[in-house]
Amino acid sequence: MGKNKKGNNKTCEQCIHCMYEEAGDMHCDEHDNFELVYEEFGPTEHYMWCGGQRFQKI
């Protein structure tokens, strides 16, 4: 089994650009239209839209 590299956990939930709104909704403040990445506690089609390229750890 391969080793898990430390610091390789790039997800919207762990990114400083992921902003909680209410009722389980989160948006990305790096997206041009502040698209929802989470809606009602579930990922949307825009989840990880940047592929981790704009990830900044909280």
N, C-alpha and C. Protein backbone atom coordinates (compact mmCIF):
# COMPACT_ATOMS: atom_id res chain seq x y z
N MET A 1 0.84 -1.18 0.00
CA MET A 1 0.00 0.00 0.00
C MET A 1 0.89 1.24 0.00
N GLY A 2 0.54 2.24 -0.80
CA GLY A 2 1.35 3.45 -0.91
C GLY A 2 1.19 4.37 0.29
N LYS A 3 2.19 5.16 0.50
CA LYS A 3 2.17 6.11 1.61
C LYS A 3 1.41 7.38 1.21
N ASN A 4 0.65 7.93 2.14
CA ASN A 4 -0.08 9.17 1.91
C ASN A 4 0.84 10.34 2.20
N LYS A 5 1.09 11.17 1.23
CA LYS A 5 1.98 12.31 1.42
C LYS A 5 1.31 13.37 2.27
N LYS A 6 2.03 13.89 3.25
CA LYS A 6 1.51 14.92 4.14
C LYS A 6 1.27 16.21 3.33
N GLY A 7 0.13 16.87 3.60
CA GLY A 7 -0.18 18.12 2.94
C GLY A 7 -0.80 17.96 1.57
N ASN A 8 -1.21 16.74 1.22
CA ASN A 8 -1.78 16.49 -0.09
C ASN A 8 -3.31 16.47 -0.04
N ASN A 9 -3.92 17.02 1.01
CA ASN A 9 -5.36 17.01 1.20
C ASN A 9 -5.94 18.35 0.74
N LYS A 10 -5.98 18.58 -0.56
CA LYS A 10 -6.50 19.82 -1.11
C LYS A 10 -7.96 19.64 -1.47
N THR A 11 -8.85 20.18 -0.63
CA THR A 11 -10.28 20.13 -0.88
C THR A 11 -10.86 21.51 -0.61
N CYS A 12 -12.05 21.75 -1.12
CA CYS A 12 -12.71 23.03 -0.90
C CYS A 12 -12.89 23.32 0.60
N GLU A 13 -13.24 22.29 1.36
CA GLU A 13 -13.49 22.47 2.78
C GLU A 13 -12.25 22.96 3.54
N GLN A 14 -11.07 22.62 3.06
CA GLN A 14 -9.82 22.98 3.71
C GLN A 14 -9.18 24.24 3.15
N CYS A 15 -9.86 24.90 2.20
CA CYS A 15 -9.31 26.07 1.52
C CYS A 15 -9.83 27.37 2.13
N ILE A 16 -8.97 28.35 2.23
CA ILE A 16 -9.33 29.64 2.81
C ILE A 16 -10.33 30.41 1.93
N HIS A 17 -10.43 30.05 0.66
CA HIS A 17 -11.35 30.73 -0.25
C HIS A 17 -12.77 30.19 -0.20
N CYS A 18 -12.99 29.10 0.52
CA CYS A 18 -14.32 28.49 0.66
C CYS A 18 -15.05 29.17 1.81
N MET A 19 -16.13 29.88 1.50
CA MET A 19 -16.87 30.67 2.48
C MET A 19 -18.23 30.05 2.77
N TYR A 20 -18.50 29.85 4.07
CA TYR A 20 -19.79 29.30 4.49
C TYR A 20 -20.86 30.37 4.40
N GLU A 21 -22.00 30.06 3.83
CA GLU A 21 -23.11 31.00 3.75
C GLU A 21 -24.14 30.68 4.83
N GLU A 22 -24.96 29.69 4.59
CA GLU A 22 -25.95 29.24 5.56
C GLU A 22 -26.56 27.93 5.08
N ALA A 23 -27.14 27.19 5.98
CA ALA A 23 -27.84 25.94 5.67
C ALA A 23 -27.01 24.98 4.82
N GLY A 24 -25.70 24.92 5.08
CA GLY A 24 -24.85 23.97 4.37
C GLY A 24 -24.35 24.44 3.03
N ASP A 25 -24.55 25.71 2.69
CA ASP A 25 -24.07 26.25 1.41
C ASP A 25 -22.72 26.93 1.60
N MET A 26 -21.81 26.68 0.66
CA MET A 26 -20.50 27.32 0.66
C MET A 26 -20.19 27.79 -0.75
N HIS A 27 -19.53 28.94 -0.84
CA HIS A 27 -19.12 29.43 -2.15
C HIS A 27 -17.62 29.69 -2.16
N CYS A 28 -17.06 29.77 -3.36
CA CYS A 28 -15.64 30.05 -3.53
C CYS A 28 -15.48 31.52 -3.90
N ASP A 29 -14.72 32.26 -3.09
CA ASP A 29 -14.53 33.68 -3.39
C ASP A 29 -13.47 33.94 -4.46
N GLU A 30 -12.86 32.88 -4.98
CA GLU A 30 -11.90 33.01 -6.08
C GLU A 30 -12.58 32.85 -7.44
N HIS A 31 -13.78 32.31 -7.47
CA HIS A 31 -14.53 32.12 -8.72
C HIS A 31 -15.14 33.45 -9.12
N ASP A 32 -15.15 33.76 -10.40
CA ASP A 32 -15.65 35.05 -10.89
C ASP A 32 -17.07 35.36 -10.43
N ASN A 33 -17.93 34.35 -10.37
CA ASN A 33 -19.33 34.56 -10.00
C ASN A 33 -19.67 34.05 -8.61
N PHE A 34 -18.66 33.81 -7.77
CA PHE A 34 -18.87 33.27 -6.42
C PHE A 34 -19.78 32.04 -6.47
N GLU A 35 -19.47 31.10 -7.34
CA GLU A 35 -20.28 29.90 -7.52
C GLU A 35 -20.31 29.06 -6.24
N LEU A 36 -21.46 28.42 -6.01
CA LEU A 36 -21.59 27.51 -4.88
C LEU A 36 -20.78 26.25 -5.15
N VAL A 37 -19.95 25.87 -4.19
CA VAL A 37 -19.21 24.62 -4.30
C VAL A 37 -19.87 23.55 -3.43
N TYR A 38 -20.69 23.97 -2.49
CA TYR A 38 -21.47 23.09 -1.61
C TYR A 38 -22.87 23.64 -1.51
N GLU A 39 -23.86 22.79 -1.66
CA GLU A 39 -25.25 23.21 -1.52
C GLU A 39 -25.97 22.18 -0.67
N GLU A 40 -26.56 22.63 0.42
CA GLU A 40 -27.24 21.75 1.37
C GLU A 40 -26.34 20.59 1.81
N PHE A 41 -25.11 20.91 2.21
CA PHE A 41 -24.13 19.97 2.74
C PHE A 41 -23.64 18.94 1.73
N GLY A 42 -23.81 19.20 0.43
CA GLY A 42 -23.32 18.28 -0.59
C GLY A 42 -22.59 19.04 -1.69
N PRO A 43 -21.58 18.43 -2.30
CA PRO A 43 -20.83 19.10 -3.36
C PRO A 43 -21.67 19.36 -4.60
N THR A 44 -21.40 20.46 -5.28
CA THR A 44 -22.09 20.81 -6.51
C THR A 44 -21.17 20.51 -7.70
N GLU A 45 -21.63 20.82 -8.89
CA GLU A 45 -20.81 20.61 -10.10
C GLU A 45 -19.58 21.51 -10.12
N HIS A 46 -19.57 22.57 -9.29
CA HIS A 46 -18.44 23.50 -9.24
C HIS A 46 -17.44 23.14 -8.13
N TYR A 47 -17.68 22.05 -7.41
CA TYR A 47 -16.77 21.61 -6.36
C TYR A 47 -15.40 21.33 -6.97
N MET A 48 -14.37 21.89 -6.36
CA MET A 48 -12.98 21.75 -6.82
C MET A 48 -12.81 22.21 -8.27
N TRP A 49 -13.50 23.26 -8.65
CA TRP A 49 -13.46 23.78 -10.02
C TRP A 49 -12.05 24.18 -10.43
N CYS A 50 -11.23 24.60 -9.48
CA CYS A 50 -9.86 25.02 -9.82
C CYS A 50 -8.88 23.85 -9.84
N GLY A 51 -9.33 22.68 -9.42
CA GLY A 51 -8.44 21.52 -9.39
C GLY A 51 -7.34 21.64 -8.35
N GLY A 52 -7.53 22.51 -7.36
CA GLY A 52 -6.54 22.71 -6.32
C GLY A 52 -5.48 23.74 -6.66
N GLN A 53 -5.56 24.35 -7.82
CA GLN A 53 -4.54 25.33 -8.26
C GLN A 53 -4.57 26.61 -7.43
N ARG A 54 -5.73 26.97 -6.89
CA ARG A 54 -5.83 28.21 -6.10
C ARG A 54 -5.98 27.91 -4.61
N PHE A 55 -5.66 26.68 -4.23
CA PHE A 55 -5.80 26.24 -2.85
C PHE A 55 -4.84 26.99 -1.93
N GLN A 56 -5.40 27.47 -0.81
CA GLN A 56 -4.59 28.04 0.26
C GLN A 56 -5.14 27.49 1.57
N LYS A 57 -4.27 26.85 2.35
CA LYS A 57 -4.68 26.21 3.59
C LYS A 57 -5.18 27.24 4.60
N ILE A 58 -6.22 26.84 5.32
CA ILE A 58 -6.80 27.69 6.37
C ILE A 58 -5.80 27.87 7.48
